[in-house]
Amino acid sequence: DVDVQQCIHLRAHSTSPQSHVKLQPSRGKMMRAVAVAVVVAVLALSATTQAAKDPKDCEVCIKVLDKLATQMKADGKDITKADQTEEAIRKLCKKLKNRENRFCYYIGGTDDAATGMLKSVSGPLSRFLPAKKVCEKLKAKDAQVCQLRYEEQIDLKTIDLSKQRVKVLKKILNDQFDDSCQGCIEKSDFVKKIREYMAKDEL
């Protein structure tokens, strides 16, 4: 009887909850894993929210598509016709420079473009989708489309144009008014041209 009781006693100890402590996951490790998952989720949400609030997101794309709509209206083209829209894009892209020309390259609007997304532009525009929405769709296909940013423009109200170098005046005309000022020779010609644009903006 003594041997039987000892055997029962030993089995009771071997099956006690304490004998399984080492087999159960550490509560501390589980808490740390949960904390890491929460941090990752918060950072992802923060990044998404920040991108959504960025006023410069897709700014070049939106500006170019607005220019396209204006040009097509002036030329009497039908934006609901995909072939006319794509032809208008190629025509417009031949005149664009810097970041706007880079946007054209991304969507396939330039002769040297390696990829083509013109149908992804003409299709939504034919359904009168706003430029911002079209750009968001393009962004899903190629994030570079909406990563383009314009250079910070010179505040013309805070500078003395007569004291600027011709190089700076040319840049102002090109970047802010899309004008190369053909026929301008003297510095005074560039200053006069800029002031003409400024006067129109104030009207």
N, C-alpha and C. Protein backbone atom coordinates (compact mmCIF):
# COMPACT_ATOMS: atom_id res chain seq x y z
N ASP A 1 0.82 -1.22 0.00
CA ASP A 1 0.00 0.00 0.00
C ASP A 1 0.86 1.26 0.00
N VAL A 2 1.96 1.19 0.74
CA VAL A 2 2.88 2.35 0.79
C VAL A 2 3.42 2.64 -0.58
N ASP A 3 3.80 1.59 -1.34
CA ASP A 3 4.36 1.78 -2.69
C ASP A 3 3.32 2.40 -3.62
N VAL A 4 2.07 1.97 -3.48
CA VAL A 4 1.00 2.50 -4.33
C VAL A 4 0.78 3.98 -4.02
N GLN A 5 0.76 4.36 -2.76
CA GLN A 5 0.57 5.77 -2.37
C GLN A 5 1.70 6.64 -2.88
N GLN A 6 2.94 6.13 -2.79
CA GLN A 6 4.11 6.90 -3.28
C GLN A 6 4.00 7.12 -4.79
N CYS A 7 3.51 6.06 -5.48
CA CYS A 7 3.37 6.17 -6.94
C CYS A 7 2.34 7.24 -7.30
N ILE A 8 1.19 7.23 -6.59
CA ILE A 8 0.13 8.22 -6.84
C ILE A 8 0.65 9.62 -6.54
N HIS A 9 1.43 9.73 -5.43
CA HIS A 9 1.99 11.03 -5.04
C HIS A 9 2.92 11.58 -6.12
N LEU A 10 3.75 10.71 -6.68
CA LEU A 10 4.69 11.13 -7.72
C LEU A 10 3.95 11.56 -8.98
N ARG A 11 2.89 10.83 -9.35
CA ARG A 11 2.13 11.19 -10.55
C ARG A 11 1.42 12.54 -10.35
N ALA A 12 0.90 12.74 -9.17
CA ALA A 12 0.23 14.00 -8.88
C ALA A 12 1.16 15.17 -9.05
N HIS A 13 2.41 15.02 -8.60
CA HIS A 13 3.41 16.09 -8.75
C HIS A 13 3.81 16.28 -10.19
N SER A 14 3.88 15.19 -10.95
CA SER A 14 4.35 15.28 -12.34
C SER A 14 3.29 15.92 -13.23
N THR A 15 2.03 15.89 -12.84
CA THR A 15 0.96 16.47 -13.67
C THR A 15 0.46 17.79 -13.11
N SER A 16 1.14 18.33 -12.13
CA SER A 16 0.72 19.60 -11.54
C SER A 16 0.95 20.74 -12.52
N PRO A 17 0.19 21.85 -12.45
CA PRO A 17 0.35 23.01 -13.35
C PRO A 17 1.76 23.54 -13.38
N GLN A 18 2.50 23.40 -12.25
CA GLN A 18 3.85 23.95 -12.20
C GLN A 18 4.78 23.25 -13.18
N SER A 19 4.49 21.95 -13.44
CA SER A 19 5.38 21.20 -14.33
C SER A 19 5.24 21.66 -15.77
N HIS A 20 4.19 22.43 -16.09
CA HIS A 20 3.97 22.88 -17.47
C HIS A 20 4.35 24.34 -17.67
N VAL A 21 4.85 25.00 -16.68
CA VAL A 21 5.19 26.42 -16.78
C VAL A 21 6.18 26.67 -17.89
N LYS A 22 7.17 25.83 -18.00
CA LYS A 22 8.22 26.04 -19.00
C LYS A 22 7.71 25.81 -20.42
N LEU A 23 6.61 25.07 -20.56
CA LEU A 23 6.09 24.76 -21.88
C LEU A 23 5.17 25.87 -22.40
N GLN A 24 4.66 26.72 -21.49
CA GLN A 24 3.77 27.79 -21.89
C GLN A 24 4.57 29.00 -22.34
N PRO A 25 4.07 29.75 -23.37
CA PRO A 25 4.78 30.94 -23.83
C PRO A 25 4.90 31.97 -22.72
N SER A 26 5.99 32.68 -22.73
CA SER A 26 6.20 33.73 -21.75
C SER A 26 5.21 34.86 -21.98
N ARG A 27 4.53 35.26 -20.92
CA ARG A 27 3.56 36.34 -21.04
C ARG A 27 4.24 37.64 -21.45
N GLY A 28 5.47 37.81 -20.95
CA GLY A 28 6.23 39.02 -21.30
C GLY A 28 6.52 39.09 -22.79
N LYS A 29 6.88 37.95 -23.37
CA LYS A 29 7.18 37.92 -24.80
C LYS A 29 5.92 38.21 -25.62
N MET A 30 4.80 37.66 -25.16
CA MET A 30 3.55 37.90 -25.87
C MET A 30 3.17 39.37 -25.85
N MET A 31 3.36 40.01 -24.68
CA MET A 31 3.04 41.43 -24.55
C MET A 31 3.93 42.27 -25.45
N ARG A 32 5.23 41.88 -25.53
CA ARG A 32 6.15 42.63 -26.39
C ARG A 32 5.75 42.49 -27.86
N ALA A 33 5.34 41.29 -28.25
CA ALA A 33 4.92 41.05 -29.63
C ALA A 33 3.70 41.90 -29.99
N VAL A 34 2.76 41.96 -29.05
CA VAL A 34 1.55 42.76 -29.26
C VAL A 34 1.91 44.24 -29.38
N ALA A 35 2.83 44.68 -28.51
CA ALA A 35 3.25 46.09 -28.51
C ALA A 35 3.90 46.45 -29.84
N VAL A 36 4.76 45.56 -30.37
CA VAL A 36 5.43 45.80 -31.65
C VAL A 36 4.41 45.89 -32.77
N ALA A 37 3.42 44.99 -32.75
CA ALA A 37 2.38 45.00 -33.79
C ALA A 37 1.59 46.30 -33.76
N VAL A 38 1.29 46.79 -32.56
CA VAL A 38 0.54 48.04 -32.43
C VAL A 38 1.35 49.22 -32.96
N VAL A 39 2.64 49.26 -32.62
CA VAL A 39 3.52 50.34 -33.09
C VAL A 39 3.59 50.36 -34.61
N VAL A 40 3.76 49.20 -35.22
CA VAL A 40 3.84 49.09 -36.68
C VAL A 40 2.55 49.60 -37.32
N ALA A 41 1.41 49.22 -36.74
CA ALA A 41 0.11 49.64 -37.27
C ALA A 41 -0.06 51.16 -37.17
N VAL A 42 0.36 51.72 -36.04
CA VAL A 42 0.25 53.17 -35.84
C VAL A 42 1.13 53.93 -36.82
N LEU A 43 2.36 53.45 -37.04
CA LEU A 43 3.27 54.11 -37.97
C LEU A 43 2.74 54.05 -39.39
N ALA A 44 2.17 52.92 -39.77
CA ALA A 44 1.61 52.77 -41.11
C ALA A 44 0.43 53.72 -41.31
N LEU A 45 -0.42 53.83 -40.30
CA LEU A 45 -1.57 54.73 -40.36
C LEU A 45 -1.12 56.18 -40.42
N SER A 46 -0.08 56.50 -39.65
CA SER A 46 0.45 57.86 -39.63
C SER A 46 1.01 58.24 -40.99
N ALA A 47 1.75 57.30 -41.62
CA ALA A 47 2.34 57.57 -42.93
C ALA A 47 1.25 57.79 -43.98
N THR A 48 0.19 56.99 -43.90
CA THR A 48 -0.92 57.12 -44.84
C THR A 48 -1.63 58.45 -44.66
N THR A 49 -1.86 58.82 -43.40
CA THR A 49 -2.54 60.08 -43.11
C THR A 49 -1.71 61.27 -43.55
N GLN A 50 -0.39 61.19 -43.34
CA GLN A 50 0.50 62.29 -43.73
C GLN A 50 0.49 62.47 -45.23
N ALA A 51 0.52 61.34 -45.96
CA ALA A 51 0.52 61.42 -47.42
C ALA A 51 -0.79 62.04 -47.91
N ALA A 52 -1.89 61.67 -47.23
CA ALA A 52 -3.20 62.18 -47.64
C ALA A 52 -3.31 63.68 -47.40
N LYS A 53 -2.61 64.20 -46.39
CA LYS A 53 -2.68 65.61 -46.05
C LYS A 53 -1.65 66.45 -46.80
N ASP A 54 -0.72 65.81 -47.49
CA ASP A 54 0.33 66.54 -48.18
C ASP A 54 -0.28 67.34 -49.33
N PRO A 55 -0.28 68.65 -49.25
CA PRO A 55 -0.90 69.47 -50.29
C PRO A 55 -0.16 69.41 -51.62
N LYS A 56 1.09 68.95 -51.58
CA LYS A 56 1.88 68.88 -52.81
C LYS A 56 1.79 67.52 -53.50
N ASP A 57 1.08 66.59 -52.88
CA ASP A 57 0.97 65.27 -53.45
C ASP A 57 0.27 65.35 -54.81
N CYS A 58 0.91 64.83 -55.85
CA CYS A 58 0.36 64.80 -57.22
C CYS A 58 0.23 66.18 -57.85
N GLU A 59 0.89 67.21 -57.30
CA GLU A 59 0.66 68.57 -57.79
C GLU A 59 1.04 68.75 -59.25
N VAL A 60 2.14 68.13 -59.69
CA VAL A 60 2.55 68.26 -61.09
C VAL A 60 1.56 67.56 -62.00
N CYS A 61 1.17 66.37 -61.61
CA CYS A 61 0.19 65.60 -62.39
C CYS A 61 -1.10 66.39 -62.57
N ILE A 62 -1.62 66.93 -61.48
CA ILE A 62 -2.88 67.68 -61.54
C ILE A 62 -2.75 68.91 -62.43
N LYS A 63 -1.63 69.61 -62.29
CA LYS A 63 -1.42 70.84 -63.08
C LYS A 63 -1.35 70.52 -64.57
N VAL A 64 -0.65 69.45 -64.93
CA VAL A 64 -0.52 69.09 -66.34
C VAL A 64 -1.87 68.67 -66.92
N LEU A 65 -2.64 67.91 -66.18
CA LEU A 65 -3.95 67.49 -66.67
C LEU A 65 -4.91 68.68 -66.81
N ASP A 66 -4.76 69.67 -65.93
CA ASP A 66 -5.57 70.89 -66.05
C ASP A 66 -5.17 71.65 -67.32
N LYS A 67 -3.87 71.69 -67.59
CA LYS A 67 -3.39 72.33 -68.81
C LYS A 67 -3.92 71.60 -70.04
N LEU A 68 -3.94 70.28 -69.95
CA LEU A 68 -4.42 69.45 -71.06
C LEU A 68 -5.88 69.76 -71.37
N ALA A 69 -6.70 69.83 -70.32
CA ALA A 69 -8.13 70.12 -70.49
C ALA A 69 -8.33 71.50 -71.13
N THR A 70 -7.54 72.46 -70.68
CA THR A 70 -7.64 73.83 -71.21
C THR A 70 -7.25 73.86 -72.68
N GLN A 71 -6.16 73.15 -73.02
CA GLN A 71 -5.68 73.12 -74.40
C GLN A 71 -6.70 72.45 -75.32
N MET A 72 -7.25 71.32 -74.87
CA MET A 72 -8.22 70.60 -75.70
C MET A 72 -9.47 71.43 -75.95
N LYS A 73 -9.90 72.16 -74.93
CA LYS A 73 -11.08 73.02 -75.10
C LYS A 73 -10.79 74.13 -76.10
N ALA A 74 -9.59 74.71 -76.01
CA ALA A 74 -9.20 75.79 -76.92
C ALA A 74 -9.07 75.29 -78.36
N ASP A 75 -8.62 74.04 -78.51
CA ASP A 75 -8.42 73.46 -79.84
C ASP A 75 -9.68 72.80 -80.39
N GLY A 76 -10.75 72.82 -79.59
CA GLY A 76 -11.99 72.23 -80.05
C GLY A 76 -11.97 70.71 -80.09
N LYS A 77 -11.14 70.09 -79.26
CA LYS A 77 -11.03 68.63 -79.21
C LYS A 77 -12.03 68.05 -78.21
N ASP A 78 -12.46 66.83 -78.49
CA ASP A 78 -13.44 66.15 -77.65
C ASP A 78 -12.74 65.24 -76.65
N ILE A 79 -12.81 65.59 -75.36
CA ILE A 79 -12.09 64.84 -74.34
C ILE A 79 -12.71 63.45 -74.10
N THR A 80 -13.90 63.24 -74.62
CA THR A 80 -14.51 61.92 -74.48
C THR A 80 -13.97 60.94 -75.51
N LYS A 81 -13.20 61.44 -76.46
CA LYS A 81 -12.58 60.59 -77.48
C LYS A 81 -11.14 60.30 -77.06
N ALA A 82 -10.86 59.05 -76.72
CA ALA A 82 -9.54 58.67 -76.19
C ALA A 82 -8.42 59.01 -77.16
N ASP A 83 -8.64 58.78 -78.47
CA ASP A 83 -7.57 59.03 -79.44
C ASP A 83 -7.22 60.51 -79.52
N GLN A 84 -8.24 61.38 -79.41
CA GLN A 84 -7.99 62.82 -79.43
C GLN A 84 -7.25 63.27 -78.17
N THR A 85 -7.62 62.68 -77.05
CA THR A 85 -6.96 63.03 -75.79
C THR A 85 -5.50 62.62 -75.81
N GLU A 86 -5.21 61.43 -76.27
CA GLU A 86 -3.83 60.94 -76.31
C GLU A 86 -2.98 61.75 -77.28
N GLU A 87 -3.59 62.16 -78.40
CA GLU A 87 -2.88 63.02 -79.35
C GLU A 87 -2.58 64.38 -78.72
N ALA A 88 -3.55 64.90 -77.96
CA ALA A 88 -3.38 66.19 -77.29
C ALA A 88 -2.30 66.12 -76.21
N ILE A 89 -2.21 64.98 -75.53
CA ILE A 89 -1.18 64.80 -74.50
C ILE A 89 0.21 64.89 -75.14
N ARG A 90 0.39 64.17 -76.23
CA ARG A 90 1.70 64.19 -76.92
C ARG A 90 2.05 65.59 -77.41
N LYS A 91 1.04 66.30 -77.90
CA LYS A 91 1.26 67.66 -78.38
C LYS A 91 1.67 68.58 -77.23
N LEU A 92 0.96 68.48 -76.12
CA LEU A 92 1.26 69.31 -74.96
C LEU A 92 2.64 68.99 -74.40
N CYS A 93 2.97 67.71 -74.31
CA CYS A 93 4.24 67.29 -73.71
C CYS A 93 5.46 67.80 -74.47
N LYS A 94 5.29 68.08 -75.74
CA LYS A 94 6.42 68.61 -76.54
C LYS A 94 6.82 70.01 -76.06
N LYS A 95 5.88 70.70 -75.40
CA LYS A 95 6.15 72.07 -74.95
C LYS A 95 6.54 72.15 -73.48
N LEU A 96 6.29 71.09 -72.74
CA LEU A 96 6.53 71.13 -71.29
C LEU A 96 8.00 70.89 -70.96
N LYS A 97 8.42 71.43 -69.82
CA LYS A 97 9.82 71.33 -69.41
C LYS A 97 9.92 70.85 -67.97
N ASN A 98 11.16 70.55 -67.59
CA ASN A 98 11.48 70.19 -66.21
C ASN A 98 10.58 69.09 -65.66
N ARG A 99 9.96 69.32 -64.51
CA ARG A 99 9.19 68.27 -63.85
C ARG A 99 7.93 67.90 -64.62
N GLU A 100 7.37 68.85 -65.33
CA GLU A 100 6.19 68.54 -66.13
C GLU A 100 6.56 67.61 -67.29
N ASN A 101 7.72 67.84 -67.86
CA ASN A 101 8.19 66.95 -68.93
C ASN A 101 8.51 65.56 -68.38
N ARG A 102 9.01 65.50 -67.15
CA ARG A 102 9.30 64.22 -66.50
C ARG A 102 7.99 63.45 -66.27
N PHE A 103 6.94 64.17 -65.90
CA PHE A 103 5.63 63.54 -65.75
C PHE A 103 5.19 62.92 -67.08
N CYS A 104 5.37 63.67 -68.16
CA CYS A 104 5.02 63.16 -69.49
C CYS A 104 5.79 61.88 -69.81
N TYR A 105 7.05 61.86 -69.39
CA TYR A 105 7.88 60.67 -69.61
C TYR A 105 7.31 59.47 -68.87
N TYR A 106 6.87 59.69 -67.65
CA TYR A 106 6.33 58.60 -66.84
C TYR A 106 5.06 58.00 -67.44
N ILE A 107 4.23 58.83 -68.04
CA ILE A 107 2.96 58.31 -68.56
C ILE A 107 3.04 57.89 -70.03
N GLY A 108 4.21 58.14 -70.65
CA GLY A 108 4.37 57.73 -72.04
C GLY A 108 4.01 58.81 -73.04
N GLY A 109 4.08 60.06 -72.62
CA GLY A 109 3.72 61.16 -73.50
C GLY A 109 4.87 61.75 -74.28
N THR A 110 6.09 61.26 -74.04
CA THR A 110 7.26 61.76 -74.78
C THR A 110 7.77 60.67 -75.72
N ASP A 111 8.54 61.09 -76.72
CA ASP A 111 9.04 60.14 -77.72
C ASP A 111 9.99 59.12 -77.13
N ASP A 112 10.70 59.50 -76.06
CA ASP A 112 11.70 58.60 -75.48
C ASP A 112 11.17 57.82 -74.28
N ALA A 113 9.85 57.89 -74.03
CA ALA A 113 9.26 57.20 -72.87
C ALA A 113 9.42 55.69 -73.00
N ALA A 114 9.81 55.07 -71.88
CA ALA A 114 10.00 53.61 -71.86
C ALA A 114 8.71 52.88 -71.56
N THR A 115 7.77 53.56 -70.93
CA THR A 115 6.48 52.94 -70.59
C THR A 115 5.34 53.77 -71.17
N GLY A 116 4.16 53.20 -71.16
CA GLY A 116 3.01 53.92 -71.69
C GLY A 116 1.78 53.75 -70.83
N MET A 117 1.23 54.86 -70.34
CA MET A 117 0.00 54.80 -69.54
C MET A 117 -1.03 55.80 -70.07
N LEU A 118 -0.91 56.15 -71.35
CA LEU A 118 -1.81 57.15 -71.89
C LEU A 118 -3.27 56.73 -71.79
N LYS A 119 -3.54 55.43 -71.97
CA LYS A 119 -4.92 54.96 -71.86
C LYS A 119 -5.44 55.09 -70.43
N SER A 120 -4.52 55.04 -69.47
CA SER A 120 -4.91 55.22 -68.06
C SER A 120 -5.22 56.68 -67.76
N VAL A 121 -4.86 57.55 -68.70
CA VAL A 121 -5.18 58.97 -68.57
C VAL A 121 -6.43 59.30 -69.39
N SER A 122 -6.41 58.89 -70.65
CA SER A 122 -7.51 59.22 -71.56
C SER A 122 -8.83 58.57 -71.14
N GLY A 123 -8.75 57.34 -70.62
CA GLY A 123 -9.96 56.62 -70.21
C GLY A 123 -10.73 57.35 -69.12
N PRO A 124 -10.11 57.60 -67.97
CA PRO A 124 -10.81 58.31 -66.88
C PRO A 124 -11.24 59.72 -67.27
N LEU A 125 -10.42 60.42 -68.07
CA LEU A 125 -10.79 61.77 -68.49
C LEU A 125 -12.03 61.75 -69.39
N SER A 126 -12.15 60.70 -70.19
CA SER A 126 -13.32 60.59 -71.08
C SER A 126 -14.60 60.42 -70.29
N ARG A 127 -14.47 59.96 -69.03
CA ARG A 127 -15.63 59.81 -68.15
C ARG A 127 -15.77 61.01 -67.21
N PHE A 128 -15.02 62.08 -67.54
CA PHE A 128 -15.05 63.34 -66.80
C PHE A 128 -14.64 63.18 -65.34
N LEU A 129 -13.71 62.28 -65.10
CA LEU A 129 -13.17 62.11 -63.74
C LEU A 129 -12.26 63.31 -63.45
N PRO A 130 -12.33 63.91 -62.26
CA PRO A 130 -11.48 65.06 -61.93
C PRO A 130 -10.00 64.70 -62.02
N ALA A 131 -9.16 65.70 -62.32
CA ALA A 131 -7.72 65.49 -62.48
C ALA A 131 -7.12 64.81 -61.25
N LYS A 132 -7.55 65.22 -60.07
CA LYS A 132 -7.01 64.65 -58.83
C LYS A 132 -7.27 63.15 -58.75
N LYS A 133 -8.47 62.73 -59.13
CA LYS A 133 -8.82 61.31 -59.09
C LYS A 133 -8.03 60.52 -60.13
N VAL A 134 -7.84 61.12 -61.29
CA VAL A 134 -7.05 60.46 -62.35
C VAL A 134 -5.62 60.25 -61.86
N CYS A 135 -5.09 61.26 -61.20
CA CYS A 135 -3.72 61.18 -60.69
C CYS A 135 -3.58 60.12 -59.60
N GLU A 136 -4.60 59.99 -58.79
CA GLU A 136 -4.57 58.96 -57.74
C GLU A 136 -4.55 57.56 -58.35
N LYS A 137 -5.27 57.39 -59.45
CA LYS A 137 -5.26 56.10 -60.15
C LYS A 137 -3.89 55.84 -60.78
N LEU A 138 -3.28 56.88 -61.33
CA LEU A 138 -1.95 56.74 -61.92
C LEU A 138 -0.92 56.42 -60.84
N LYS A 139 -1.10 57.03 -59.68
CA LYS A 139 -0.19 56.80 -58.56
C LYS A 139 -0.18 55.33 -58.15
N ALA A 140 -1.33 54.68 -58.23
CA ALA A 140 -1.43 53.27 -57.87
C ALA A 140 -0.63 52.40 -58.84
N LYS A 141 -0.48 52.89 -60.07
CA LYS A 141 0.28 52.14 -61.08
C LYS A 141 1.78 52.48 -61.01
N ASP A 142 2.08 53.75 -60.72
CA ASP A 142 3.48 54.19 -60.65
C ASP A 142 3.56 55.35 -59.66
N ALA A 143 4.11 55.08 -58.49
CA ALA A 143 4.17 56.09 -57.42
C ALA A 143 4.96 57.33 -57.81
N GLN A 144 5.89 57.19 -58.76
CA GLN A 144 6.72 58.33 -59.18
C GLN A 144 5.87 59.47 -59.74
N VAL A 145 4.75 59.14 -60.31
CA VAL A 145 3.87 60.14 -60.91
C VAL A 145 3.50 61.24 -59.92
N CYS A 146 3.25 60.84 -58.68
CA CYS A 146 2.82 61.82 -57.67
C CYS A 146 3.95 62.25 -56.73
N GLN A 147 5.15 61.78 -56.99
CA GLN A 147 6.29 62.20 -56.18
C GLN A 147 6.95 63.46 -56.74
N LEU A 148 6.57 63.83 -57.94
CA LEU A 148 7.12 65.04 -58.57
C LEU A 148 6.62 66.28 -57.84
N ARG A 149 7.53 67.20 -57.59
CA ARG A 149 7.18 68.45 -56.91
C ARG A 149 7.76 69.63 -57.68
N TYR A 150 7.03 70.72 -57.71
CA TYR A 150 7.56 71.94 -58.31
C TYR A 150 8.59 72.57 -57.37
N GLU A 151 9.53 73.27 -57.95
CA GLU A 151 10.49 74.01 -57.13
C GLU A 151 9.76 75.16 -56.44
N GLU A 152 10.27 75.52 -55.27
CA GLU A 152 9.67 76.65 -54.55
C GLU A 152 9.79 77.92 -55.40
N GLN A 153 8.68 78.58 -55.64
CA GLN A 153 8.69 79.76 -56.49
C GLN A 153 9.16 80.99 -55.71
N ILE A 154 9.80 81.87 -56.45
CA ILE A 154 10.26 83.13 -55.86
C ILE A 154 9.06 84.05 -55.67
N ASP A 155 8.94 84.60 -54.49
CA ASP A 155 7.84 85.53 -54.20
C ASP A 155 8.16 86.87 -54.85
N LEU A 156 7.46 87.18 -55.91
CA LEU A 156 7.76 88.39 -56.68
C LEU A 156 7.43 89.68 -55.93
N LYS A 157 6.61 89.55 -54.89
CA LYS A 157 6.23 90.76 -54.14
C LYS A 157 7.28 91.16 -53.11
N THR A 158 8.25 90.28 -52.90
CA THR A 158 9.25 90.56 -51.86
C THR A 158 10.65 90.81 -52.41
N ILE A 159 10.79 90.78 -53.74
CA ILE A 159 12.12 91.00 -54.31
C ILE A 159 12.12 92.22 -55.23
N ASP A 160 13.30 92.75 -55.42
CA ASP A 160 13.48 93.88 -56.34
C ASP A 160 13.97 93.30 -57.67
N LEU A 161 13.09 93.27 -58.65
CA LEU A 161 13.42 92.65 -59.93
C LEU A 161 14.64 93.30 -60.59
N SER A 162 14.77 94.59 -60.42
CA SER A 162 15.87 95.32 -61.08
C SER A 162 17.24 94.92 -60.54
N LYS A 163 17.26 94.29 -59.34
CA LYS A 163 18.53 93.89 -58.74
C LYS A 163 18.87 92.42 -59.00
N GLN A 164 17.98 91.71 -59.72
CA GLN A 164 18.20 90.29 -59.98
C GLN A 164 19.03 90.09 -61.25
N ARG A 165 19.76 89.00 -61.29
CA ARG A 165 20.55 88.68 -62.48
C ARG A 165 19.61 88.20 -63.58
N VAL A 166 20.06 88.32 -64.82
CA VAL A 166 19.25 87.89 -65.97
C VAL A 166 18.88 86.42 -65.85
N LYS A 167 19.80 85.61 -65.34
CA LYS A 167 19.55 84.17 -65.18
C LYS A 167 18.34 83.93 -64.28
N VAL A 168 18.24 84.71 -63.21
CA VAL A 168 17.13 84.57 -62.28
C VAL A 168 15.82 85.04 -62.93
N LEU A 169 15.90 86.13 -63.68
CA LEU A 169 14.71 86.65 -64.36
C LEU A 169 14.18 85.65 -65.39
N LYS A 170 15.10 85.00 -66.09
CA LYS A 170 14.70 83.98 -67.07
C LYS A 170 14.00 82.81 -66.38
N LYS A 171 14.55 82.44 -65.23
CA LYS A 171 13.97 81.33 -64.47
C LYS A 171 12.56 81.67 -63.99
N ILE A 172 12.38 82.89 -63.54
CA ILE A 172 11.06 83.33 -63.09
C ILE A 172 10.04 83.25 -64.23
N LEU A 173 10.43 83.76 -65.38
CA LEU A 173 9.54 83.74 -66.54
C LEU A 173 9.21 82.31 -66.96
N ASN A 174 10.23 81.48 -66.95
CA ASN A 174 10.05 80.10 -67.41
C ASN A 174 9.21 79.27 -66.42
N ASP A 175 9.55 79.38 -65.13
CA ASP A 175 8.90 78.55 -64.11
C ASP A 175 7.50 79.03 -63.75
N GLN A 176 7.33 80.35 -63.66
CA GLN A 176 6.06 80.86 -63.16
C GLN A 176 5.09 81.30 -64.25
N PHE A 177 5.62 81.58 -65.44
CA PHE A 177 4.74 82.06 -66.51
C PHE A 177 4.87 81.27 -67.80
N ASP A 178 5.71 80.25 -67.78
CA ASP A 178 5.91 79.38 -68.95
C ASP A 178 6.22 80.22 -70.19
N ASP A 179 7.10 81.18 -70.02
CA ASP A 179 7.45 82.11 -71.10
C ASP A 179 8.98 82.21 -71.20
N SER A 180 9.50 81.94 -72.38
CA SER A 180 10.96 82.03 -72.58
C SER A 180 11.38 83.44 -72.95
N CYS A 181 10.40 84.32 -73.11
CA CYS A 181 10.63 85.74 -73.44
C CYS A 181 11.47 85.90 -74.72
N GLN A 182 10.97 85.31 -75.77
CA GLN A 182 11.66 85.44 -77.06
C GLN A 182 11.71 86.90 -77.49
N GLY A 183 12.83 87.31 -77.93
CA GLY A 183 13.01 88.71 -78.34
C GLY A 183 13.57 89.58 -77.23
N CYS A 184 13.59 89.04 -75.99
CA CYS A 184 14.17 89.80 -74.88
C CYS A 184 15.69 89.77 -74.97
N ILE A 185 16.30 90.93 -74.91
CA ILE A 185 17.76 91.02 -75.02
C ILE A 185 18.36 91.66 -73.77
N GLU A 186 17.87 92.84 -73.46
CA GLU A 186 18.38 93.56 -72.30
C GLU A 186 17.69 93.08 -71.01
N LYS A 187 18.34 93.33 -69.90
CA LYS A 187 17.77 92.97 -68.61
C LYS A 187 16.43 93.64 -68.40
N SER A 188 16.33 94.86 -68.86
CA SER A 188 15.08 95.62 -68.70
C SER A 188 13.92 94.95 -69.44
N ASP A 189 14.22 94.22 -70.53
CA ASP A 189 13.17 93.53 -71.29
C ASP A 189 12.55 92.42 -70.44
N PHE A 190 13.39 91.68 -69.72
CA PHE A 190 12.90 90.59 -68.87
C PHE A 190 12.09 91.14 -67.69
N VAL A 191 12.60 92.23 -67.10
CA VAL A 191 11.89 92.86 -65.97
C VAL A 191 10.52 93.35 -66.41
N LYS A 192 10.47 93.99 -67.58
CA LYS A 192 9.21 94.52 -68.10
C LYS A 192 8.20 93.39 -68.32
N LYS A 193 8.69 92.28 -68.87
CA LYS A 193 7.81 91.15 -69.17
C LYS A 193 7.21 90.57 -67.88
N ILE A 194 8.04 90.43 -66.87
CA ILE A 194 7.57 89.90 -65.59
C ILE A 194 6.53 90.83 -64.97
N ARG A 195 6.78 92.12 -65.04
CA ARG A 195 5.85 93.08 -64.46
C ARG A 195 4.51 93.08 -65.20
N GLU A 196 4.56 92.78 -66.49
CA GLU A 196 3.31 92.68 -67.26
C GLU A 196 2.46 91.52 -66.75
N TYR A 197 3.13 90.41 -66.48
CA TYR A 197 2.42 89.23 -65.95
C TYR A 197 1.87 89.53 -64.55
N MET A 198 2.69 90.21 -63.76
CA MET A 198 2.26 90.53 -62.39
C MET A 198 1.04 91.43 -62.40
N ALA A 199 0.98 92.36 -63.34
CA ALA A 199 -0.14 93.27 -63.45
C ALA A 199 -1.42 92.51 -63.83
N LYS A 200 -1.27 91.49 -64.70
CA LYS A 200 -2.43 90.69 -65.11
C LYS A 200 -2.97 89.88 -63.93
N ASP A 201 -2.05 89.36 -63.12
CA ASP A 201 -2.46 88.56 -61.96
C ASP A 201 -3.22 89.37 -60.93
N GLU A 202 -2.91 90.67 -60.87
CA GLU A 202 -3.56 91.53 -59.88
C GLU A 202 -4.95 91.96 -60.31
N LEU A 203 -5.28 91.76 -61.60
CA LEU A 203 -6.59 92.16 -62.10
C LEU A 203 -7.69 91.25 -61.59
